[in-house]
Amino acid sequence: MERTSFASPEMALCFDKIDRCISRIVEITVECDERAGDVPPVPGANSLASIVSHVLANVAENILGTVGGALISRDRDAEFASTASVADLLERWEALRPKLAAVAASIPTSELLAPRRHPRRGEIPVLEVFLVVLRHMGEHEGHAQLTRDWLLTGVESR
């Protein structure tokens, strides 16, 4: 991805951390390509393909939709039932990245505390939207790492 100029250093930092976290989740999924659809035999676990599908939909809803004002429709249950190929998920991520960067780059420091209507949290400041996304992506990065570790052990899936 080409370098983006940000209107505020805060948004540059937030975007960089979100981008790195999602990129790591996608890299883990690419690393486990052949088994990316396998679900660990643990209650509540998800496949890497499902995790990536969910992460991409969530970040699009929050940053493109809540902050950027785009109309984003998503089906959370379908995200976790995803059977998308790793190639398709990688393509979706590469298409989404510059759009996320453009929204983050457009936010000046003076707008960080401006309220936005979040679909589940009510009115929250722009900066909080980014912090919520970053926390959520970090949780799923941990899930992806644990799922990869399970896949590498060769244990049968459910």
N, C-alpha and C. Protein backbone atom coordinates (compact mmCIF):
# COMPACT_ATOMS: atom_id res chain seq x y z
N MET A 1 0.85 -1.18 0.00
CA MET A 1 0.00 0.00 0.00
C MET A 1 0.89 1.23 0.00
N GLU A 2 0.50 2.24 -0.79
CA GLU A 2 1.31 3.46 -0.83
C GLU A 2 1.11 4.25 0.46
N ARG A 3 2.08 5.09 0.73
CA ARG A 3 2.08 5.90 1.96
C ARG A 3 0.96 6.92 1.92
N THR A 4 0.28 7.09 3.04
CA THR A 4 -0.84 8.02 3.17
C THR A 4 -0.42 9.19 4.04
N SER A 5 -0.86 10.39 3.68
CA SER A 5 -0.66 11.57 4.53
C SER A 5 -1.89 11.73 5.41
N PHE A 6 -1.66 11.87 6.70
CA PHE A 6 -2.76 11.99 7.66
C PHE A 6 -2.89 13.43 8.13
N ALA A 7 -4.13 13.84 8.38
CA ALA A 7 -4.40 15.19 8.87
C ALA A 7 -4.02 15.34 10.33
N SER A 8 -3.93 14.22 11.05
CA SER A 8 -3.55 14.29 12.47
C SER A 8 -2.62 13.14 12.82
N PRO A 9 -1.66 13.40 13.71
CA PRO A 9 -0.75 12.32 14.12
C PRO A 9 -1.49 11.22 14.89
N GLU A 10 -2.57 11.58 15.56
CA GLU A 10 -3.35 10.59 16.31
C GLU A 10 -3.97 9.56 15.36
N MET A 11 -4.51 10.05 14.25
CA MET A 11 -5.12 9.14 13.29
C MET A 11 -4.06 8.32 12.57
N ALA A 12 -2.90 8.91 12.33
CA ALA A 12 -1.80 8.15 11.72
C ALA A 12 -1.42 6.98 12.62
N LEU A 13 -1.31 7.24 13.91
CA LEU A 13 -0.95 6.20 14.88
C LEU A 13 -2.04 5.14 14.98
N CYS A 14 -3.29 5.58 15.10
CA CYS A 14 -4.40 4.61 15.19
C CYS A 14 -4.48 3.74 13.95
N PHE A 15 -4.40 4.37 12.77
CA PHE A 15 -4.49 3.58 11.54
C PHE A 15 -3.34 2.60 11.44
N ASP A 16 -2.13 3.05 11.76
CA ASP A 16 -0.97 2.17 11.68
C ASP A 16 -1.15 0.93 12.55
N LYS A 17 -1.62 1.12 13.77
CA LYS A 17 -1.80 -0.02 14.69
C LYS A 17 -2.91 -0.96 14.20
N ILE A 18 -4.02 -0.41 13.72
CA ILE A 18 -5.11 -1.23 13.20
C ILE A 18 -4.64 -2.00 11.96
N ASP A 19 -3.95 -1.30 11.06
CA ASP A 19 -3.44 -1.91 9.84
C ASP A 19 -2.48 -3.06 10.15
N ARG A 20 -1.58 -2.84 11.07
CA ARG A 20 -0.62 -3.90 11.43
C ARG A 20 -1.33 -5.11 12.03
N CYS A 21 -2.31 -4.86 12.88
CA CYS A 21 -3.02 -5.94 13.55
C CYS A 21 -3.80 -6.78 12.52
N ILE A 22 -4.54 -6.12 11.66
CA ILE A 22 -5.31 -6.87 10.65
C ILE A 22 -4.37 -7.57 9.68
N SER A 23 -3.30 -6.89 9.29
CA SER A 23 -2.32 -7.52 8.38
C SER A 23 -1.75 -8.79 9.01
N ARG A 24 -1.49 -8.76 10.30
CA ARG A 24 -0.96 -9.95 10.99
C ARG A 24 -1.99 -11.09 10.99
N ILE A 25 -3.25 -10.76 11.22
CA ILE A 25 -4.31 -11.78 11.18
C ILE A 25 -4.38 -12.41 9.80
N VAL A 26 -4.31 -11.58 8.78
CA VAL A 26 -4.35 -12.08 7.40
C VAL A 26 -3.10 -12.91 7.10
N GLU A 27 -1.92 -12.47 7.55
CA GLU A 27 -0.68 -13.23 7.34
C GLU A 27 -0.77 -14.61 7.99
N ILE A 28 -1.31 -14.67 9.19
CA ILE A 28 -1.48 -15.96 9.88
C ILE A 28 -2.39 -16.87 9.05
N THR A 29 -3.44 -16.31 8.50
CA THR A 29 -4.38 -17.08 7.70
C THR A 29 -3.73 -17.58 6.42
N VAL A 30 -2.94 -16.73 5.78
CA VAL A 30 -2.20 -17.14 4.58
C VAL A 30 -1.23 -18.26 4.93
N GLU A 31 -0.58 -18.15 6.07
CA GLU A 31 0.38 -19.16 6.54
C GLU A 31 -0.29 -20.53 6.69
N CYS A 32 -1.57 -20.53 7.05
CA CYS A 32 -2.31 -21.78 7.28
C CYS A 32 -3.33 -22.05 6.17
N ASP A 33 -3.04 -21.60 4.98
CA ASP A 33 -3.95 -21.62 3.84
C ASP A 33 -4.78 -22.90 3.73
N GLU A 34 -4.14 -24.04 3.72
CA GLU A 34 -4.84 -25.32 3.51
C GLU A 34 -5.85 -25.64 4.61
N ARG A 35 -5.64 -25.12 5.81
CA ARG A 35 -6.53 -25.45 6.93
C ARG A 35 -7.26 -24.23 7.48
N ALA A 36 -7.29 -23.14 6.70
CA ALA A 36 -7.89 -21.89 7.18
C ALA A 36 -9.37 -22.02 7.50
N GLY A 37 -10.04 -23.02 6.96
CA GLY A 37 -11.46 -23.23 7.24
C GLY A 37 -11.73 -24.17 8.40
N ASP A 38 -10.67 -24.78 8.96
CA ASP A 38 -10.83 -25.73 10.07
C ASP A 38 -11.15 -25.00 11.37
N VAL A 39 -12.04 -25.58 12.16
CA VAL A 39 -12.43 -25.00 13.44
C VAL A 39 -11.84 -25.83 14.57
N PRO A 40 -11.11 -25.20 15.49
CA PRO A 40 -10.56 -25.95 16.63
C PRO A 40 -11.66 -26.63 17.45
N PRO A 41 -11.36 -27.78 18.04
CA PRO A 41 -12.35 -28.51 18.84
C PRO A 41 -12.50 -27.89 20.23
N VAL A 42 -12.84 -26.61 20.26
CA VAL A 42 -12.98 -25.85 21.50
C VAL A 42 -14.30 -25.08 21.40
N PRO A 43 -15.14 -25.13 22.43
CA PRO A 43 -16.40 -24.39 22.37
C PRO A 43 -16.16 -22.90 22.06
N GLY A 44 -16.92 -22.39 21.11
CA GLY A 44 -16.83 -20.98 20.76
C GLY A 44 -15.71 -20.61 19.81
N ALA A 45 -14.89 -21.59 19.40
CA ALA A 45 -13.77 -21.30 18.50
C ALA A 45 -14.28 -21.09 17.08
N ASN A 46 -13.48 -20.40 16.29
CA ASN A 46 -13.80 -20.12 14.90
C ASN A 46 -12.61 -20.43 14.01
N SER A 47 -12.89 -20.65 12.75
CA SER A 47 -11.82 -20.86 11.78
C SER A 47 -11.11 -19.54 11.50
N LEU A 48 -9.91 -19.62 10.95
CA LEU A 48 -9.19 -18.42 10.56
C LEU A 48 -9.96 -17.66 9.48
N ALA A 49 -10.57 -18.38 8.55
CA ALA A 49 -11.36 -17.73 7.51
C ALA A 49 -12.51 -16.93 8.12
N SER A 50 -13.16 -17.48 9.11
CA SER A 50 -14.25 -16.77 9.79
C SER A 50 -13.74 -15.55 10.54
N ILE A 51 -12.61 -15.70 11.20
CA ILE A 51 -12.03 -14.57 11.94
C ILE A 51 -11.72 -13.42 10.99
N VAL A 52 -11.07 -13.72 9.87
CA VAL A 52 -10.73 -12.67 8.90
C VAL A 52 -12.01 -12.05 8.34
N SER A 53 -12.98 -12.85 7.96
CA SER A 53 -14.23 -12.34 7.41
C SER A 53 -14.88 -11.37 8.41
N HIS A 54 -14.92 -11.76 9.67
CA HIS A 54 -15.51 -10.93 10.72
C HIS A 54 -14.72 -9.63 10.92
N VAL A 55 -13.42 -9.75 11.00
CA VAL A 55 -12.56 -8.58 11.22
C VAL A 55 -12.75 -7.56 10.11
N LEU A 56 -12.77 -8.01 8.87
CA LEU A 56 -12.91 -7.10 7.74
C LEU A 56 -14.28 -6.42 7.75
N ALA A 57 -15.33 -7.16 8.04
CA ALA A 57 -16.67 -6.57 8.09
C ALA A 57 -16.78 -5.59 9.26
N ASN A 58 -16.21 -5.94 10.39
CA ASN A 58 -16.28 -5.08 11.57
C ASN A 58 -15.54 -3.76 11.35
N VAL A 59 -14.33 -3.83 10.81
CA VAL A 59 -13.55 -2.61 10.60
C VAL A 59 -14.21 -1.74 9.52
N ALA A 60 -14.80 -2.36 8.51
CA ALA A 60 -15.50 -1.58 7.48
C ALA A 60 -16.71 -0.87 8.09
N GLU A 61 -17.49 -1.59 8.89
CA GLU A 61 -18.66 -0.98 9.52
C GLU A 61 -18.26 0.20 10.40
N ASN A 62 -17.23 0.00 11.21
CA ASN A 62 -16.84 1.04 12.16
C ASN A 62 -16.15 2.24 11.51
N ILE A 63 -15.17 1.98 10.67
CA ILE A 63 -14.41 3.10 10.13
C ILE A 63 -15.07 3.69 8.88
N LEU A 64 -15.42 2.85 7.91
CA LEU A 64 -16.06 3.39 6.71
C LEU A 64 -17.48 3.88 7.01
N GLY A 65 -18.20 3.10 7.82
CA GLY A 65 -19.59 3.44 8.12
C GLY A 65 -19.73 4.48 9.21
N THR A 66 -19.35 4.13 10.42
CA THR A 66 -19.57 5.02 11.56
C THR A 66 -18.78 6.32 11.42
N VAL A 67 -17.51 6.24 11.08
CA VAL A 67 -16.70 7.45 10.98
C VAL A 67 -16.85 8.10 9.61
N GLY A 68 -16.79 7.31 8.54
CA GLY A 68 -16.79 7.86 7.19
C GLY A 68 -18.16 8.15 6.61
N GLY A 69 -19.21 7.63 7.22
CA GLY A 69 -20.57 7.90 6.75
C GLY A 69 -21.05 7.02 5.61
N ALA A 70 -20.27 6.02 5.22
CA ALA A 70 -20.70 5.11 4.15
C ALA A 70 -21.80 4.18 4.66
N LEU A 71 -22.67 3.78 3.77
CA LEU A 71 -23.71 2.83 4.12
C LEU A 71 -23.10 1.43 4.06
N ILE A 72 -22.97 0.79 5.21
CA ILE A 72 -22.36 -0.53 5.30
C ILE A 72 -23.41 -1.51 5.84
N SER A 73 -23.63 -2.57 5.09
CA SER A 73 -24.55 -3.61 5.51
C SER A 73 -23.73 -4.85 5.83
N ARG A 74 -24.03 -5.47 6.96
CA ARG A 74 -23.29 -6.68 7.29
C ARG A 74 -24.18 -7.70 7.98
N ASP A 75 -23.76 -8.95 7.88
CA ASP A 75 -24.46 -10.06 8.50
C ASP A 75 -23.44 -10.78 9.37
N ARG A 76 -23.43 -10.46 10.66
CA ARG A 76 -22.42 -10.99 11.58
C ARG A 76 -22.42 -12.52 11.62
N ASP A 77 -23.60 -13.13 11.61
CA ASP A 77 -23.66 -14.59 11.63
C ASP A 77 -22.99 -15.19 10.39
N ALA A 78 -23.21 -14.56 9.24
CA ALA A 78 -22.59 -15.05 8.00
C ALA A 78 -21.07 -14.90 8.05
N GLU A 79 -20.57 -13.87 8.72
CA GLU A 79 -19.13 -13.69 8.84
C GLU A 79 -18.49 -14.90 9.51
N PHE A 80 -19.15 -15.40 10.55
CA PHE A 80 -18.59 -16.53 11.29
C PHE A 80 -18.88 -17.88 10.63
N ALA A 81 -19.68 -17.88 9.59
CA ALA A 81 -19.93 -19.09 8.82
C ALA A 81 -19.15 -19.05 7.50
N SER A 82 -18.25 -18.11 7.37
CA SER A 82 -17.53 -17.89 6.12
C SER A 82 -16.74 -19.11 5.67
N THR A 83 -16.85 -19.38 4.39
CA THR A 83 -16.04 -20.43 3.76
C THR A 83 -15.21 -19.82 2.64
N ALA A 84 -14.99 -18.50 2.73
CA ALA A 84 -14.21 -17.80 1.71
C ALA A 84 -12.80 -18.37 1.64
N SER A 85 -12.25 -18.36 0.44
CA SER A 85 -10.87 -18.84 0.28
C SER A 85 -9.91 -17.80 0.84
N VAL A 86 -8.72 -18.24 1.17
CA VAL A 86 -7.70 -17.33 1.66
C VAL A 86 -7.40 -16.27 0.60
N ALA A 87 -7.36 -16.67 -0.66
CA ALA A 87 -7.11 -15.71 -1.75
C ALA A 87 -8.18 -14.63 -1.79
N ASP A 88 -9.46 -15.02 -1.61
CA ASP A 88 -10.55 -14.05 -1.60
C ASP A 88 -10.44 -13.11 -0.41
N LEU A 89 -10.09 -13.64 0.75
CA LEU A 89 -9.95 -12.80 1.95
C LEU A 89 -8.79 -11.82 1.80
N LEU A 90 -7.71 -12.30 1.24
CA LEU A 90 -6.54 -11.43 1.01
C LEU A 90 -6.91 -10.32 0.03
N GLU A 91 -7.64 -10.66 -1.00
CA GLU A 91 -8.09 -9.67 -1.99
C GLU A 91 -9.01 -8.63 -1.33
N ARG A 92 -9.92 -9.09 -0.48
CA ARG A 92 -10.82 -8.17 0.23
C ARG A 92 -10.02 -7.22 1.12
N TRP A 93 -9.01 -7.73 1.82
CA TRP A 93 -8.19 -6.90 2.69
C TRP A 93 -7.43 -5.86 1.88
N GLU A 94 -6.84 -6.28 0.78
CA GLU A 94 -6.07 -5.34 -0.04
C GLU A 94 -6.97 -4.25 -0.64
N ALA A 95 -8.23 -4.56 -0.93
CA ALA A 95 -9.16 -3.56 -1.44
C ALA A 95 -9.66 -2.62 -0.34
N LEU A 96 -9.79 -3.13 0.87
CA LEU A 96 -10.31 -2.36 2.00
C LEU A 96 -9.27 -1.40 2.60
N ARG A 97 -8.02 -1.82 2.64
CA ARG A 97 -6.96 -1.02 3.29
C ARG A 97 -6.92 0.44 2.85
N PRO A 98 -6.85 0.72 1.54
CA PRO A 98 -6.76 2.13 1.14
C PRO A 98 -8.02 2.94 1.49
N LYS A 99 -9.16 2.29 1.52
CA LYS A 99 -10.40 2.98 1.90
C LYS A 99 -10.35 3.37 3.38
N LEU A 100 -9.88 2.45 4.21
CA LEU A 100 -9.74 2.74 5.64
C LEU A 100 -8.73 3.86 5.86
N ALA A 101 -7.61 3.77 5.15
CA ALA A 101 -6.57 4.80 5.27
C ALA A 101 -7.12 6.17 4.86
N ALA A 102 -7.91 6.22 3.81
CA ALA A 102 -8.46 7.50 3.34
C ALA A 102 -9.37 8.14 4.39
N VAL A 103 -10.21 7.32 5.03
CA VAL A 103 -11.08 7.87 6.08
C VAL A 103 -10.23 8.36 7.25
N ALA A 104 -9.30 7.53 7.72
CA ALA A 104 -8.45 7.92 8.85
C ALA A 104 -7.64 9.17 8.51
N ALA A 105 -7.15 9.26 7.29
CA ALA A 105 -6.32 10.39 6.87
C ALA A 105 -7.13 11.69 6.81
N SER A 106 -8.42 11.58 6.63
CA SER A 106 -9.25 12.77 6.48
C SER A 106 -9.66 13.41 7.82
N ILE A 107 -9.38 12.76 8.93
CA ILE A 107 -9.82 13.23 10.24
C ILE A 107 -8.78 14.16 10.85
N PRO A 108 -9.08 15.47 10.94
CA PRO A 108 -8.14 16.38 11.59
C PRO A 108 -8.23 16.24 13.11
N THR A 109 -7.22 16.70 13.80
CA THR A 109 -7.19 16.65 15.26
C THR A 109 -8.44 17.29 15.86
N SER A 110 -8.92 18.34 15.25
CA SER A 110 -10.09 19.05 15.77
C SER A 110 -11.37 18.21 15.74
N GLU A 111 -11.37 17.11 14.98
CA GLU A 111 -12.56 16.25 14.87
C GLU A 111 -12.49 14.99 15.72
N LEU A 112 -11.39 14.78 16.44
CA LEU A 112 -11.23 13.53 17.18
C LEU A 112 -12.31 13.30 18.23
N LEU A 113 -12.81 14.36 18.81
CA LEU A 113 -13.84 14.20 19.83
C LEU A 113 -15.25 14.46 19.30
N ALA A 114 -15.36 14.63 17.99
CA ALA A 114 -16.67 14.84 17.38
C ALA A 114 -17.49 13.55 17.49
N PRO A 115 -18.75 13.66 17.85
CA PRO A 115 -19.57 12.45 18.02
C PRO A 115 -19.98 11.84 16.67
N ARG A 116 -20.07 10.52 16.70
CA ARG A 116 -20.59 9.77 15.57
C ARG A 116 -21.62 8.78 16.12
N ARG A 117 -22.62 8.46 15.33
CA ARG A 117 -23.66 7.51 15.74
C ARG A 117 -23.18 6.10 15.40
N HIS A 118 -22.87 5.33 16.44
CA HIS A 118 -22.43 3.94 16.27
C HIS A 118 -23.67 3.04 16.32
N PRO A 119 -23.71 1.99 15.49
CA PRO A 119 -24.92 1.15 15.44
C PRO A 119 -25.25 0.40 16.73
N ARG A 120 -24.28 0.17 17.60
CA ARG A 120 -24.55 -0.55 18.84
C ARG A 120 -24.17 0.21 20.10
N ARG A 121 -23.37 1.25 19.98
CA ARG A 121 -22.86 1.96 21.14
C ARG A 121 -23.47 3.35 21.33
N GLY A 122 -24.37 3.74 20.44
CA GLY A 122 -24.93 5.08 20.51
C GLY A 122 -23.93 6.10 20.00
N GLU A 123 -24.00 7.31 20.53
CA GLU A 123 -23.10 8.36 20.09
C GLU A 123 -21.77 8.27 20.83
N ILE A 124 -20.69 8.17 20.07
CA ILE A 124 -19.35 8.12 20.65
C ILE A 124 -18.40 8.97 19.81
N PRO A 125 -17.32 9.46 20.42
CA PRO A 125 -16.35 10.27 19.65
C PRO A 125 -15.60 9.43 18.61
N VAL A 126 -15.16 10.11 17.55
CA VAL A 126 -14.39 9.48 16.48
C VAL A 126 -13.22 8.69 17.06
N LEU A 127 -12.46 9.30 17.94
CA LEU A 127 -11.28 8.63 18.51
C LEU A 127 -11.68 7.35 19.23
N GLU A 128 -12.80 7.35 19.92
CA GLU A 128 -13.26 6.14 20.61
C GLU A 128 -13.60 5.04 19.62
N VAL A 129 -14.17 5.40 18.47
CA VAL A 129 -14.45 4.39 17.45
C VAL A 129 -13.15 3.68 17.06
N PHE A 130 -12.10 4.46 16.82
CA PHE A 130 -10.81 3.86 16.45
C PHE A 130 -10.23 3.02 17.59
N LEU A 131 -10.39 3.47 18.83
CA LEU A 131 -9.87 2.71 19.96
C LEU A 131 -10.64 1.41 20.15
N VAL A 132 -11.95 1.45 19.96
CA VAL A 132 -12.77 0.24 20.04
C VAL A 132 -12.33 -0.75 18.96
N VAL A 133 -12.11 -0.25 17.75
CA VAL A 133 -11.67 -1.11 16.65
C VAL A 133 -10.32 -1.73 16.98
N LEU A 134 -9.39 -0.92 17.46
CA LEU A 134 -8.06 -1.42 17.78
C LEU A 134 -8.11 -2.51 18.84
N ARG A 135 -8.91 -2.30 19.88
CA ARG A 135 -9.05 -3.32 20.94
C ARG A 135 -9.64 -4.60 20.36
N HIS A 136 -10.68 -4.44 19.55
CA HIS A 136 -11.35 -5.60 18.96
C HIS A 136 -10.42 -6.38 18.02
N MET A 137 -9.66 -5.66 17.22
CA MET A 137 -8.72 -6.32 16.31
C MET A 137 -7.64 -7.06 17.10
N GLY A 138 -7.19 -6.47 18.21
CA GLY A 138 -6.19 -7.13 19.06
C GLY A 138 -6.70 -8.44 19.63
N GLU A 139 -7.97 -8.45 20.04
CA GLU A 139 -8.57 -9.69 20.55
C GLU A 139 -8.54 -10.76 19.46
N HIS A 140 -8.93 -10.38 18.26
CA HIS A 140 -8.98 -11.36 17.18
C HIS A 140 -7.58 -11.75 16.69
N GLU A 141 -6.60 -10.88 16.85
CA GLU A 141 -5.23 -11.28 16.53
C GLU A 141 -4.81 -12.41 17.47
N GLY A 142 -5.17 -12.29 18.74
CA GLY A 142 -4.89 -13.37 19.69
C GLY A 142 -5.61 -14.65 19.32
N HIS A 143 -6.88 -14.53 18.91
CA HIS A 143 -7.64 -15.72 18.48
C HIS A 143 -6.96 -16.37 17.28
N ALA A 144 -6.51 -15.55 16.34
CA ALA A 144 -5.85 -16.09 15.14
C ALA A 144 -4.55 -16.80 15.51
N GLN A 145 -3.80 -16.23 16.43
CA GLN A 145 -2.55 -16.86 16.85
C GLN A 145 -2.81 -18.21 17.53
N LEU A 146 -3.80 -18.26 18.40
CA LEU A 146 -4.14 -19.52 19.07
C LEU A 146 -4.66 -20.56 18.07
N THR A 147 -5.46 -20.11 17.11
CA THR A 147 -5.98 -21.02 16.09
C THR A 147 -4.84 -21.56 15.24
N ARG A 148 -3.91 -20.70 14.85
CA ARG A 148 -2.74 -21.14 14.08
C ARG A 148 -1.95 -22.17 14.89
N ASP A 149 -1.72 -21.90 16.17
CA ASP A 149 -0.97 -22.84 17.01
C ASP A 149 -1.68 -24.19 17.07
N TRP A 150 -3.01 -24.17 17.17
CA TRP A 150 -3.77 -25.41 17.18
C TRP A 150 -3.61 -26.13 15.84
N LEU A 151 -3.72 -25.39 14.74
CA LEU A 151 -3.59 -26.01 13.41
C LEU A 151 -2.23 -26.67 13.24
N LEU A 152 -1.19 -26.04 13.77
CA LEU A 152 0.15 -26.57 13.62
C LEU A 152 0.41 -27.82 14.47
N THR A 153 -0.46 -28.08 15.46
CA THR A 153 -0.31 -29.28 16.28
C THR A 153 -0.85 -30.51 15.58
N GLY A 154 -1.72 -30.28 14.56
CA GLY A 154 -2.27 -31.40 13.81
C GLY A 154 -3.46 -32.06 14.47
N VAL A 155 -4.04 -31.44 15.50
CA VAL A 155 -5.21 -31.99 16.17
C VAL A 155 -6.41 -31.94 15.23
N GLU A 156 -7.25 -32.95 15.27
CA GLU A 156 -8.42 -33.00 14.38
C GLU A 156 -9.41 -31.89 14.72
N SER A 157 -10.07 -31.38 13.68
CA SER A 157 -11.08 -30.33 13.87
C SER A 157 -12.42 -30.94 14.20
N ARG A 158 -13.36 -30.09 14.60
CA ARG A 158 -14.71 -30.59 14.88
C ARG A 158 -15.52 -30.60 13.63
